[in-house]
Amino acid sequence: MCIWIDGSYNWSINSCILNHIFDSLQKQGTVEDVYKRELEVKFKIKSFKIGAGKPIVYMNKADAVKLNINIGDRVEVSINKRKSIGIVDVAESYFNPGELGASHLIISELKVKSGDRVELEIVPVPKSSLLLRKKAFCKEYTKKEIDLIIKDIVDDKLTEAEIAFFISGVYHCGMTEKETAYLTESIYKNGNIINWRSSKIADKHSIGGVPGNRTTPLVVSICASAGIKMPKTSSRAITTAAGTADVIESVADIDFPIAKLKRIVNKTNACLAWGGSLGLAPADDKLIQVEKIIHLDPESQLIASILAKKLAAGSKYVLIDIPYGEGAKVSKKGAKKLKKKFKNIAKHFKLKLETVLTDGSQPIGNGVGPLLEIKDLLRVLSRNNPPKDLEDKAIKLAAIILEMIGKTKKGKGQKLAREILDSGKALKKFEQIIKAQNGSLKNLKRAKFVKRIESKSSGNVRKIRNQEINHLARLAGSPVNKAAGLFLHVHKGQKIKKGQILIEIHAESKDKLNQAIRFFKSSEAIEIK
């Protein structure tokens, strides 16, 4: 059907034709730019405060009907040669005919204000959108196809629904080693890349899933004290109650431009920053946002995500911590397979990579939640009643990096790491990094409400279930409320008596505290027999 509107042709296409296109994808493995809808009309921007976190264009329903624009269509908004692509949403009454609203991402990109006149053009469904169903039928992607998908994710040409479809297809069918290498390369090259003068830049990463387990700041502080450069960029929580970025944010700034980050690293040998603001692997950030919504984390995407960010950060030596066991992301068998895949993909990029398989069947440390985990870190660094499991794991991981870089002989890394920790050098280094990031470790806040829960029976702690502990800490308000979370008084295998304290729940409101208490009482987060 062809409709004449304001001197432009507007082609519409029905779902039957789209299905035919998708079906032909399976057979052909290629995509043609089958149709294009073009329409240019002028609108006036009406400003209103909305973040959305994604590029959304809002318009009056009458305009949408007149122009044959549907919710979810892609449009390009332009002014003075500046362009931005957004997804259409329709408002019944807030906008008058001829007015457009836009989310913060589009407003800032176009540098427009209320009253500015912009041009609106309907853009075609991108070729990458038509490629998405290919993986749903377990077909292998070419490098060119993966590049196209990732570039369009970065450019906001794909909707969240389409990205979810891509992730689901990858989760269902997996990717070959070649595809995963293509995905890694495409993710890191479609973003900023940090270059360093030194060739001995180190990094450490855990695949996550284990509550607490805040070894990264300890490893970074130990290694930086030994003269190793570690520009550590971390993510916020995906499946746990807090990510390293959430934890450090409770005491310091984590959001820096690349130039500032480099100054911090050149001064202290390290940083503990959030990767999301640096433009490193932006496609990965968008993929992670959708993974959180659909609760899927495909293995190939996990590998590509981690390695792409290490490559983008300029790392040459990388240590990957793979926790395994009941309640962890992978079993021991799965961990061994994942280790092999990491090694194989790293070879494509000449990365010097080591992996370590660790027990992930229970939380590591006592604190679960940003400030509670900071307190664990300070207990280890200041040698003041440290959580032994957290300390031992951090020393083990730091030792591997010290040996990889050549700071000590093979087999001597743990001795050196412990000496650095016992000497107080690691504490001073951590304090230096926090200060360089405009932070302070003084007057650490305590949550307004704290509830201690006692054991109703004597026995042995048989299990501490990671997923329940993570969920419990989130119910208490972590990681948004920095002081919220849990303090574990027991660990697996420990003998306990009736009336002994099992756990403390920390919350900033009575509602969150009571919600967490109810969940704990109805769950088997801590199993005693």
Protein backbone atom coordinates (compact mmCIF):
# COMPACT_ATOMS: atom_id res chain seq x y z
CA MET A 1 0.00 0.00 0.00
CA CYS A 2 1.35 3.47 -0.90
CA ILE A 3 -0.02 6.59 0.82
CA TRP A 4 0.70 10.18 -0.22
CA ILE A 5 1.46 12.32 2.85
CA ASP A 6 2.96 15.82 2.73
CA GLY A 7 4.71 15.11 -0.55
CA SER A 8 6.43 11.91 0.60
CA TYR A 9 5.68 8.26 -0.01
CA ASN A 10 5.03 6.07 2.98
CA TRP A 11 5.32 2.33 2.37
CA SER A 12 3.70 0.04 4.89
CA ILE A 13 4.27 -3.69 5.15
CA ASN A 14 2.18 -6.29 6.91
CA SER A 15 3.25 -9.05 9.27
CA CYS A 16 2.68 -11.71 6.61
CA ILE A 17 5.48 -10.23 4.47
CA LEU A 18 7.75 -9.93 7.53
CA ASN A 19 7.19 -13.59 8.32
CA HIS A 20 8.08 -14.42 4.73
CA ILE A 21 11.30 -12.40 5.12
CA PHE A 22 12.19 -14.19 8.35
CA ASP A 23 11.42 -17.58 6.81
CA SER A 24 13.65 -16.79 3.85
CA LEU A 25 16.42 -15.93 6.32
CA GLN A 26 16.63 -19.57 7.40
CA LYS A 27 17.02 -20.72 3.81
CA GLN A 28 19.25 -17.98 2.44
CA GLY A 29 21.34 -16.94 5.46
CA THR A 30 21.41 -13.41 4.00
CA VAL A 31 19.31 -10.31 4.31
CA GLU A 32 18.20 -7.79 1.72
CA ASP A 33 16.97 -4.31 2.50
CA VAL A 34 13.51 -5.40 1.46
CA TYR A 35 11.59 -2.26 2.10
CA LYS A 36 11.99 1.28 3.29
CA ARG A 37 9.50 3.73 4.69
CA GLU A 38 10.40 7.35 4.13
CA LEU A 39 8.59 10.31 5.56
CA GLU A 40 9.81 13.76 6.55
CA VAL A 41 7.64 16.14 8.57
CA LYS A 42 8.46 18.92 11.02
CA PHE A 43 7.53 18.87 14.70
CA LYS A 44 8.05 21.19 17.65
CA ILE A 45 9.85 19.78 20.70
CA LYS A 46 7.92 19.93 23.95
CA SER A 47 10.24 19.50 26.90
CA PHE A 48 9.36 17.30 29.85
CA LYS A 49 11.50 15.51 32.41
CA ILE A 50 11.89 11.82 31.72
CA GLY A 51 14.99 9.64 31.77
CA ALA A 52 13.76 6.30 30.36
CA GLY A 53 17.37 5.11 29.94
CA LYS A 54 16.68 4.46 26.26
CA PRO A 55 15.96 6.56 23.13
CA ILE A 56 12.18 7.12 23.11
CA VAL A 57 10.20 9.57 20.97
CA TYR A 58 6.72 10.50 22.22
CA MET A 59 4.03 11.86 19.91
CA ASN A 60 0.34 12.69 19.83
CA LYS A 61 -1.90 9.76 18.90
CA ALA A 62 -3.61 11.71 16.10
CA ASP A 63 -0.23 12.44 14.48
CA ALA A 64 0.72 8.78 14.73
CA VAL A 65 -2.53 7.67 13.08
CA LYS A 66 -2.27 10.31 10.35
CA LEU A 67 1.32 9.36 9.51
CA ASN A 68 0.74 5.61 9.86
CA ILE A 69 3.32 5.38 12.63
CA ASN A 70 2.96 2.57 15.15
CA ILE A 71 4.22 2.16 18.68
CA GLY A 72 7.68 0.60 18.42
CA ASP A 73 8.48 2.06 14.98
CA ARG A 74 11.91 3.59 14.53
CA VAL A 75 12.16 7.27 13.66
CA GLU A 76 15.06 9.60 13.07
CA VAL A 77 14.83 13.03 14.68
CA SER A 78 17.18 15.66 13.25
CA ILE A 79 18.10 19.32 13.68
CA ASN A 80 21.04 21.23 12.16
CA LYS A 81 22.66 18.03 10.82
CA ARG A 82 22.49 16.38 14.26
CA LYS A 83 20.55 13.12 14.16
CA SER A 84 19.23 10.62 16.68
CA ILE A 85 17.20 7.44 16.24
CA GLY A 86 14.42 6.66 18.68
CA ILE A 87 11.57 4.22 19.25
CA VAL A 88 8.05 5.65 19.03
CA ASP A 89 5.63 5.72 21.93
CA VAL A 90 2.21 7.37 21.75
CA ALA A 91 0.64 9.72 24.29
CA GLU A 92 -3.12 10.18 24.32
CA SER A 93 -3.28 13.80 25.50
CA TYR A 94 -0.02 15.21 26.91
CA PHE A 95 1.28 16.29 23.48
CA ASN A 96 -0.71 18.45 21.07
CA PRO A 97 -0.69 17.64 17.34
CA GLY A 98 2.62 18.82 15.91
CA GLU A 99 4.51 18.34 19.19
CA LEU A 100 7.15 15.74 20.04
CA GLY A 101 8.61 14.64 23.33
CA ALA A 102 11.90 12.79 23.67
CA SER A 103 13.76 10.95 26.40
CA HIS A 104 16.90 12.43 27.92
CA LEU A 105 19.20 10.41 25.64
CA ILE A 106 17.75 12.02 22.51
CA ILE A 107 17.46 15.51 24.01
CA SER A 108 21.13 15.51 25.03
CA GLU A 109 22.29 14.00 21.74
CA LEU A 110 20.44 16.59 19.63
CA LYS A 111 21.06 19.47 22.07
CA VAL A 112 17.47 20.66 21.70
CA LYS A 113 15.18 22.58 24.02
CA SER A 114 11.46 23.17 24.23
CA GLY A 115 10.13 25.01 21.18
CA ASP A 116 12.88 23.89 18.78
CA ARG A 117 11.60 22.59 15.45
CA VAL A 118 12.93 19.22 14.39
CA GLU A 119 12.46 16.96 11.39
CA LEU A 120 11.03 13.48 11.81
CA GLU A 121 11.75 10.69 9.36
CA ILE A 122 10.55 7.11 9.56
CA VAL A 123 13.54 4.85 9.07
CA PRO A 124 13.55 1.31 7.70
CA VAL A 125 13.75 -1.79 9.82
CA PRO A 126 17.54 -2.31 10.01
CA LYS A 127 19.05 -5.31 8.28
CA SER A 128 20.34 -6.50 11.64
CA SER A 129 16.75 -6.87 12.88
CA LEU A 130 16.05 -9.33 10.11
CA LEU A 131 19.16 -11.29 11.06
CA LEU A 132 18.05 -11.96 14.61
CA ARG A 133 15.83 -14.94 13.84
CA LYS A 134 18.73 -16.71 12.16
CA LYS A 135 20.23 -17.67 15.52
CA ALA A 136 16.81 -18.80 16.78
CA PHE A 137 17.10 -21.52 14.12
CA CYS A 138 20.66 -22.31 15.26
CA LYS A 139 22.32 -20.97 12.12
CA GLU A 140 25.90 -19.72 12.37
CA TYR A 141 26.59 -16.00 12.03
CA THR A 142 29.34 -14.60 9.83
CA LYS A 143 31.72 -11.91 11.10
CA LYS A 144 29.96 -9.33 8.94
CA GLU A 145 26.56 -10.26 10.39
CA ILE A 146 27.77 -10.04 13.99
CA ASP A 147 29.43 -6.69 13.26
CA LEU A 148 26.15 -5.39 11.85
CA ILE A 149 24.12 -6.54 14.87
CA ILE A 150 26.58 -5.08 17.40
CA LYS A 151 26.94 -1.77 15.56
CA ASP A 152 23.16 -1.39 15.44
CA ILE A 153 22.90 -2.18 19.16
CA VAL A 154 25.44 0.58 19.87
CA ASP A 155 23.57 3.01 17.58
CA ASP A 156 20.24 2.23 19.30
CA LYS A 157 18.77 0.89 16.07
CA LEU A 158 17.53 -2.28 17.77
CA THR A 159 14.77 -2.28 20.36
CA GLU A 160 15.01 -4.02 23.74
CA ALA A 161 12.63 -6.69 22.42
CA GLU A 162 14.94 -7.35 19.46
CA ILE A 163 18.02 -7.48 21.69
CA ALA A 164 16.16 -9.91 23.97
CA PHE A 165 15.38 -12.06 20.92
CA PHE A 166 19.09 -12.07 20.00
CA ILE A 167 20.15 -13.03 23.54
CA SER A 168 17.50 -15.76 23.73
CA GLY A 169 18.66 -17.23 20.42
CA VAL A 170 22.28 -17.27 21.57
CA TYR A 171 21.24 -18.81 24.90
CA HIS A 172 19.18 -21.50 23.16
CA CYS A 173 21.62 -22.43 20.39
CA GLY A 174 24.99 -21.24 21.67
CA MET A 175 27.84 -19.94 19.53
CA THR A 176 30.85 -21.58 17.97
CA GLU A 177 34.34 -20.56 19.08
CA LYS A 178 34.67 -18.56 15.87
CA GLU A 179 31.38 -16.74 16.47
CA THR A 180 32.36 -15.95 20.07
CA ALA A 181 35.69 -14.51 18.87
CA TYR A 182 33.82 -12.39 16.28
CA LEU A 183 31.41 -11.23 18.98
CA THR A 184 34.27 -10.32 21.35
CA GLU A 185 36.09 -8.35 18.66
CA SER A 186 32.97 -6.53 17.52
CA ILE A 187 31.95 -5.55 21.06
CA TYR A 188 35.33 -4.10 21.98
CA LYS A 189 36.01 -2.38 18.65
CA ASN A 190 32.60 -0.65 18.64
CA GLY A 191 33.60 1.58 21.55
CA ASN A 192 36.46 3.49 23.14
CA ILE A 193 39.81 1.77 23.61
CA ILE A 194 42.34 2.86 26.26
CA ASN A 195 45.99 2.76 25.23
CA TRP A 196 48.79 2.58 27.80
CA ARG A 197 52.52 3.09 27.46
CA SER A 198 53.25 -0.01 29.53
CA SER A 199 52.74 -3.44 28.00
CA LYS A 200 52.21 -5.03 31.42
CA ILE A 201 48.66 -3.99 32.22
CA ALA A 202 46.86 -6.54 34.39
CA ASP A 203 43.22 -7.21 35.19
CA LYS A 204 41.15 -9.65 37.19
CA HIS A 205 37.52 -10.63 36.74
CA SER A 206 35.03 -13.00 38.32
CA ILE A 207 32.11 -14.43 36.37
CA GLY A 208 30.00 -13.57 39.42
CA GLY A 209 26.97 -15.12 41.06
CA VAL A 210 28.45 -15.53 44.56
CA PRO A 211 27.28 -13.16 47.33
CA GLY A 212 30.06 -11.10 48.91
CA ASN A 213 33.19 -12.44 47.20
CA ARG A 214 34.63 -8.90 47.07
CA THR A 215 38.18 -9.97 46.23
CA THR A 216 38.78 -7.44 43.45
CA PRO A 217 39.64 -4.37 45.61
CA LEU A 218 41.98 -6.56 47.69
CA VAL A 219 43.72 -8.05 44.65
CA VAL A 220 44.05 -4.61 43.03
CA SER A 221 45.50 -3.08 46.21
CA ILE A 222 48.04 -5.88 46.68
CA CYS A 223 49.17 -5.92 43.04
CA ALA A 224 49.29 -2.12 42.70
CA SER A 225 51.48 -2.04 45.84
CA ALA A 226 53.89 -4.36 44.01
CA GLY A 227 54.14 -1.90 41.09
CA ILE A 228 51.63 -3.56 38.75
CA LYS A 229 49.28 -1.29 36.82
CA MET A 230 45.65 -2.42 37.21
CA PRO A 231 43.08 -0.06 35.64
CA LYS A 232 40.12 -2.00 37.03
CA THR A 233 36.76 -1.17 35.52
CA SER A 234 33.81 -3.04 36.97
CA SER A 235 30.11 -3.45 36.42
CA ARG A 236 27.18 -2.93 38.71
CA ALA A 237 25.30 -5.92 40.08
CA ILE A 238 23.75 -8.23 37.49
CA THR A 239 22.73 -11.33 39.47
CA THR A 240 24.20 -10.58 42.93
CA ALA A 241 23.26 -8.04 45.61
CA ALA A 242 26.17 -5.76 44.66
CA GLY A 243 28.85 -5.46 42.02
CA THR A 244 32.33 -4.05 42.64
CA ALA A 245 31.20 -0.72 41.17
CA ASP A 246 28.26 -0.58 43.63
CA VAL A 247 30.60 -1.33 46.55
CA ILE A 248 33.25 1.29 45.69
CA GLU A 249 30.53 3.84 44.91
CA SER A 250 29.53 3.71 48.59
CA VAL A 251 32.83 5.41 49.54
CA ALA A 252 34.18 7.09 46.38
CA ASP A 253 33.42 8.37 42.89
CA ILE A 254 33.46 5.70 40.19
CA ASP A 255 32.35 7.67 37.14
CA PHE A 256 35.27 9.22 35.23
CA PRO A 257 36.18 10.27 31.69
CA ILE A 258 39.10 8.31 30.24
CA ALA A 259 41.60 11.17 30.71
CA LYS A 260 40.82 11.40 34.44
CA LEU A 261 40.95 7.62 34.85
CA LYS A 262 44.41 7.54 33.26
CA ARG A 263 45.62 10.25 35.65
CA ILE A 264 44.38 8.21 38.62
CA VAL A 265 46.13 5.07 37.35
CA ASN A 266 49.38 6.91 36.60
CA LYS A 267 49.33 8.31 40.15
CA THR A 268 48.30 5.19 42.11
CA ASN A 269 48.98 2.28 39.69
CA ALA A 270 45.28 1.40 39.79
CA CYS A 271 41.67 2.50 39.82
CA LEU A 272 38.35 0.97 40.85
CA ALA A 273 35.95 2.58 38.39
CA TRP A 274 32.61 1.88 36.75
CA GLY A 275 33.06 0.82 33.13
CA GLY A 276 29.67 2.06 31.97
CA SER A 277 30.62 5.73 31.72
CA LEU A 278 33.85 5.23 29.80
CA GLY A 279 32.33 4.15 26.51
CA LEU A 280 34.27 0.88 26.70
CA ALA A 281 32.27 -1.82 24.92
CA PRO A 282 28.95 0.10 25.00
CA ALA A 283 27.19 -2.75 23.19
CA ASP A 284 27.92 -4.96 26.17
CA ASP A 285 26.31 -2.48 28.56
CA LYS A 286 23.15 -2.52 26.45
CA LEU A 287 23.19 -6.33 26.27
CA ILE A 288 23.60 -6.56 30.06
CA GLN A 289 20.63 -4.21 30.60
CA VAL A 290 18.40 -6.61 28.66
CA GLU A 291 19.95 -9.70 30.29
CA LYS A 292 18.87 -8.30 33.66
CA ILE A 293 15.29 -8.01 32.41
CA ILE A 294 15.03 -11.51 30.92
CA HIS A 295 17.34 -13.21 33.47
CA LEU A 296 19.50 -14.88 30.82
CA ASP A 297 23.30 -14.76 30.59
CA PRO A 298 24.44 -16.89 27.61
CA GLU A 299 27.88 -18.44 28.00
CA SER A 300 29.28 -17.03 24.75
CA GLN A 301 27.97 -13.59 25.69
CA LEU A 302 29.57 -13.96 29.14
CA ILE A 303 32.96 -14.74 27.58
CA ALA A 304 32.70 -11.99 24.96
CA SER A 305 31.53 -9.47 27.56
CA ILE A 306 34.46 -10.07 29.90
CA LEU A 307 37.19 -10.30 27.28
CA ALA A 308 35.90 -7.36 25.22
CA LYS A 309 36.06 -5.07 28.24
CA LYS A 310 39.54 -6.27 29.15
CA LEU A 311 40.75 -5.62 25.61
CA ALA A 312 39.07 -2.20 25.52
CA ALA A 313 40.71 -1.28 28.84
CA GLY A 314 44.11 -2.10 27.35
CA SER A 315 44.80 -5.16 29.52
CA LYS A 316 47.45 -7.64 28.42
CA TYR A 317 47.43 -10.00 31.43
CA VAL A 318 44.04 -11.25 32.61
CA LEU A 319 42.99 -13.54 35.46
CA ILE A 320 39.48 -15.02 35.35
CA ASP A 321 37.90 -16.36 38.55
CA ILE A 322 35.29 -19.05 37.80
CA PRO A 323 33.31 -19.95 40.94
CA TYR A 324 31.56 -23.32 40.63
CA GLY A 325 29.27 -25.54 42.65
CA GLU A 326 25.71 -25.67 43.96
CA GLY A 327 24.21 -22.19 43.74
CA ALA A 328 26.99 -20.86 41.51
CA LYS A 329 26.56 -20.04 37.82
CA VAL A 330 28.32 -23.24 36.72
CA SER A 331 29.02 -26.76 37.97
CA LYS A 332 32.60 -28.01 38.32
CA LYS A 333 32.25 -29.77 34.97
CA GLY A 334 30.86 -26.60 33.42
CA ALA A 335 33.67 -24.56 34.97
CA LYS A 336 36.29 -26.77 33.33
CA LYS A 337 34.60 -26.33 29.94
CA LEU A 338 34.33 -22.58 30.45
CA LYS A 339 38.01 -22.40 31.40
CA LYS A 340 38.96 -24.05 28.12
CA LYS A 341 36.73 -21.69 26.11
CA PHE A 342 38.20 -18.60 27.78
CA LYS A 343 41.71 -19.83 26.97
CA ASN A 344 40.82 -20.55 23.34
CA ILE A 345 39.12 -17.19 22.73
CA ALA A 346 41.96 -15.30 24.46
CA LYS A 347 44.43 -16.80 21.96
CA HIS A 348 42.62 -15.02 19.12
CA PHE A 349 43.67 -11.70 20.69
CA LYS A 350 47.10 -12.73 22.05
CA LEU A 351 45.90 -12.14 25.61
CA LYS A 352 47.96 -13.75 28.37
CA LEU A 353 45.12 -15.30 30.32
CA GLU A 354 44.93 -17.53 33.37
CA THR A 355 41.80 -18.98 34.91
CA VAL A 356 41.23 -20.28 38.41
CA LEU A 357 38.34 -22.51 39.50
CA THR A 358 37.09 -21.61 42.99
CA ASP A 359 34.42 -22.89 45.38
CA GLY A 360 31.25 -20.88 44.74
CA SER A 361 28.82 -22.99 46.76
CA GLN A 362 28.36 -20.37 49.48
CA PRO A 363 28.94 -16.63 50.09
CA ILE A 364 32.52 -15.41 50.55
CA GLY A 365 33.11 -13.08 53.51
CA ASN A 366 30.46 -11.88 55.95
CA GLY A 367 29.02 -8.75 54.39
CA VAL A 368 26.56 -8.80 51.48
CA GLY A 369 25.77 -5.27 50.31
CA PRO A 370 27.97 -2.25 49.43
CA LEU A 371 28.99 -0.77 52.81
CA LEU A 372 28.91 -4.12 54.59
CA GLU A 373 31.37 -5.45 52.00
CA ILE A 374 33.57 -2.34 52.40
CA LYS A 375 33.78 -3.17 56.11
CA ASP A 376 34.90 -6.71 55.22
CA LEU A 377 37.61 -5.27 52.97
CA LEU A 378 38.90 -2.96 55.70
CA ARG A 379 39.01 -5.83 58.20
CA VAL A 380 41.25 -7.76 55.79
CA LEU A 381 43.44 -4.79 54.87
CA SER A 382 43.86 -3.54 58.46
CA ARG A 383 44.46 -7.11 59.74
CA ASN A 384 41.59 -6.69 62.21
CA ASN A 385 39.64 -9.95 62.59
CA PRO A 386 39.43 -10.52 58.81
CA PRO A 387 37.00 -12.98 57.19
CA LYS A 388 39.43 -15.84 56.56
CA ASP A 389 37.74 -17.14 53.42
CA LEU A 390 37.83 -13.70 51.76
CA GLU A 391 41.45 -13.10 52.77
CA ASP A 392 42.68 -16.50 51.59
CA LYS A 393 40.94 -16.23 48.23
CA ALA A 394 42.26 -12.70 47.61
CA ILE A 395 45.82 -13.82 48.38
CA LYS A 396 45.46 -16.81 46.06
CA LEU A 397 44.24 -14.61 43.18
CA ALA A 398 46.80 -11.84 43.75
CA ALA A 399 49.56 -14.46 43.81
CA ILE A 400 48.67 -15.66 40.31
CA ILE A 401 48.90 -12.12 38.90
CA LEU A 402 52.19 -11.42 40.72
CA GLU A 403 53.64 -14.58 39.14
CA MET A 404 52.14 -13.87 35.68
CA ILE A 405 53.76 -10.42 35.54
CA GLY A 406 57.08 -11.73 36.86
CA LYS A 407 57.14 -9.93 40.22
CA THR A 408 58.14 -13.19 41.88
CA LYS A 409 59.05 -16.76 40.99
CA LYS A 410 56.38 -19.36 40.31
CA GLY A 411 55.14 -20.80 43.59
CA LYS A 412 56.24 -17.74 45.59
CA GLY A 413 53.28 -15.49 44.80
CA GLN A 414 51.23 -16.24 47.91
CA LYS A 415 54.20 -15.49 50.18
CA LEU A 416 54.71 -12.10 48.50
CA ALA A 417 51.00 -11.26 48.52
CA ARG A 418 50.73 -12.04 52.25
CA GLU A 419 53.84 -9.97 53.02
CA ILE A 420 52.32 -6.98 51.21
CA LEU A 421 49.06 -7.44 53.11
CA ASP A 422 50.72 -7.89 56.53
CA SER A 423 53.03 -4.89 56.01
CA GLY A 424 50.09 -2.49 55.64
CA LYS A 425 51.13 -1.51 52.10
CA ALA A 426 47.90 -2.85 50.59
CA LEU A 427 45.81 -0.80 53.06
CA LYS A 428 47.76 2.36 52.21
CA LYS A 429 47.33 1.65 48.50
CA PHE A 430 43.57 1.14 48.88
CA GLU A 431 43.30 4.40 50.84
CA GLN A 432 45.35 6.16 48.14
CA ILE A 433 43.06 4.87 45.36
CA ILE A 434 39.90 5.89 47.26
CA LYS A 435 41.34 9.37 47.93
CA ALA A 436 42.32 9.76 44.25
CA GLN A 437 38.70 8.94 43.41
CA ASN A 438 37.46 11.75 45.69
CA GLY A 439 36.41 9.33 48.41
CA SER A 440 36.78 8.69 52.12
CA LEU A 441 36.78 5.62 54.35
CA LYS A 442 35.82 7.55 57.48
CA ASN A 443 32.44 7.46 59.23
CA LEU A 444 31.03 4.48 57.34
CA LYS A 445 27.26 4.59 57.61
CA ARG A 446 25.20 1.94 59.39
CA ALA A 447 21.66 1.14 58.27
CA LYS A 448 18.80 2.62 60.30
CA PHE A 449 17.26 -0.77 61.01
CA VAL A 450 19.13 -3.96 61.90
CA LYS A 451 17.51 -7.28 62.81
CA ARG A 452 19.47 -10.22 64.18
CA ILE A 453 17.97 -13.62 63.45
CA GLU A 454 18.83 -16.54 65.71
CA SER A 455 18.89 -20.27 65.01
CA LYS A 456 15.85 -22.18 66.23
CA SER A 457 17.85 -25.39 66.61
CA SER A 458 21.32 -26.80 67.14
CA GLY A 459 23.14 -28.64 64.37
CA ASN A 460 25.43 -28.19 61.39
CA VAL A 461 25.08 -25.54 58.69
CA ARG A 462 24.56 -27.79 55.67
CA LYS A 463 23.86 -25.17 53.01
CA ILE A 464 23.83 -21.44 52.50
CA ARG A 465 21.98 -20.87 49.25
CA ASN A 466 23.49 -18.13 47.10
CA GLN A 467 20.37 -17.20 45.18
CA GLU A 468 18.27 -16.82 48.33
CA ILE A 469 20.99 -14.76 50.03
CA ASN A 470 21.28 -12.47 47.00
CA HIS A 471 17.50 -12.08 46.86
CA LEU A 472 17.31 -11.42 50.59
CA ALA A 473 19.93 -8.65 50.38
CA ARG A 474 18.08 -7.07 47.46
CA LEU A 475 14.81 -7.15 49.39
CA ALA A 476 16.61 -5.31 52.20
CA GLY A 477 17.49 -2.57 49.69
CA SER A 478 20.93 -3.48 48.31
CA PRO A 479 22.59 -2.17 46.19
CA VAL A 480 20.51 1.03 45.87
CA ASN A 481 20.62 1.68 49.62
CA LYS A 482 24.36 1.48 50.23
CA ALA A 483 24.10 0.51 53.92
CA ALA A 484 21.50 -2.20 53.25
CA GLY A 485 22.18 -5.91 52.96
CA LEU A 486 23.19 -8.78 55.22
CA PHE A 487 25.90 -9.77 57.64
CA LEU A 488 26.41 -13.53 57.82
CA HIS A 489 27.52 -14.90 61.19
CA VAL A 490 27.87 -18.50 60.01
CA HIS A 491 29.31 -20.46 57.09
CA LYS A 492 28.74 -23.90 55.63
CA GLY A 493 30.06 -26.78 57.75
CA GLN A 494 29.94 -24.79 60.99
CA LYS A 495 28.44 -26.31 64.17
CA ILE A 496 25.92 -24.02 65.84
CA LYS A 497 23.74 -23.98 68.94
CA LYS A 498 20.11 -23.02 69.38
CA GLY A 499 19.84 -19.26 69.88
CA GLN A 500 23.11 -18.53 68.06
CA ILE A 501 22.96 -15.57 65.66
CA LEU A 502 22.77 -16.71 62.02
CA ILE A 503 22.38 -13.46 60.15
CA GLU A 504 21.80 -9.72 60.50
CA ILE A 505 19.49 -7.96 58.07
CA HIS A 506 20.32 -4.27 57.49
CA ALA A 507 17.73 -1.97 55.92
CA GLU A 508 16.95 1.74 55.61
CA SER A 509 13.20 1.33 56.08
CA LYS A 510 10.95 -0.82 58.25
CA ASP A 511 9.03 -1.97 55.18
CA LYS A 512 12.16 -3.34 53.51
CA LEU A 513 13.33 -4.87 56.77
CA ASN A 514 10.02 -6.65 57.35
CA GLN A 515 9.86 -7.79 53.72
CA ALA A 516 13.34 -9.33 54.04
CA ILE A 517 12.50 -10.96 57.39
CA ARG A 518 9.36 -12.55 55.95
CA PHE A 519 11.31 -13.93 53.00
CA PHE A 520 14.06 -15.35 55.22
CA LYS A 521 11.55 -17.12 57.46
CA SER A 522 9.75 -18.66 54.48
CA SER A 523 12.94 -19.68 52.64
CA GLU A 524 15.75 -22.13 53.25
CA ALA A 525 18.52 -19.57 52.74
CA ILE A 526 20.45 -21.22 55.59
CA GLU A 527 19.85 -24.95 56.05
CA ILE A 528 20.67 -26.47 59.44
CA LYS A 529 20.54 -30.18 60.27
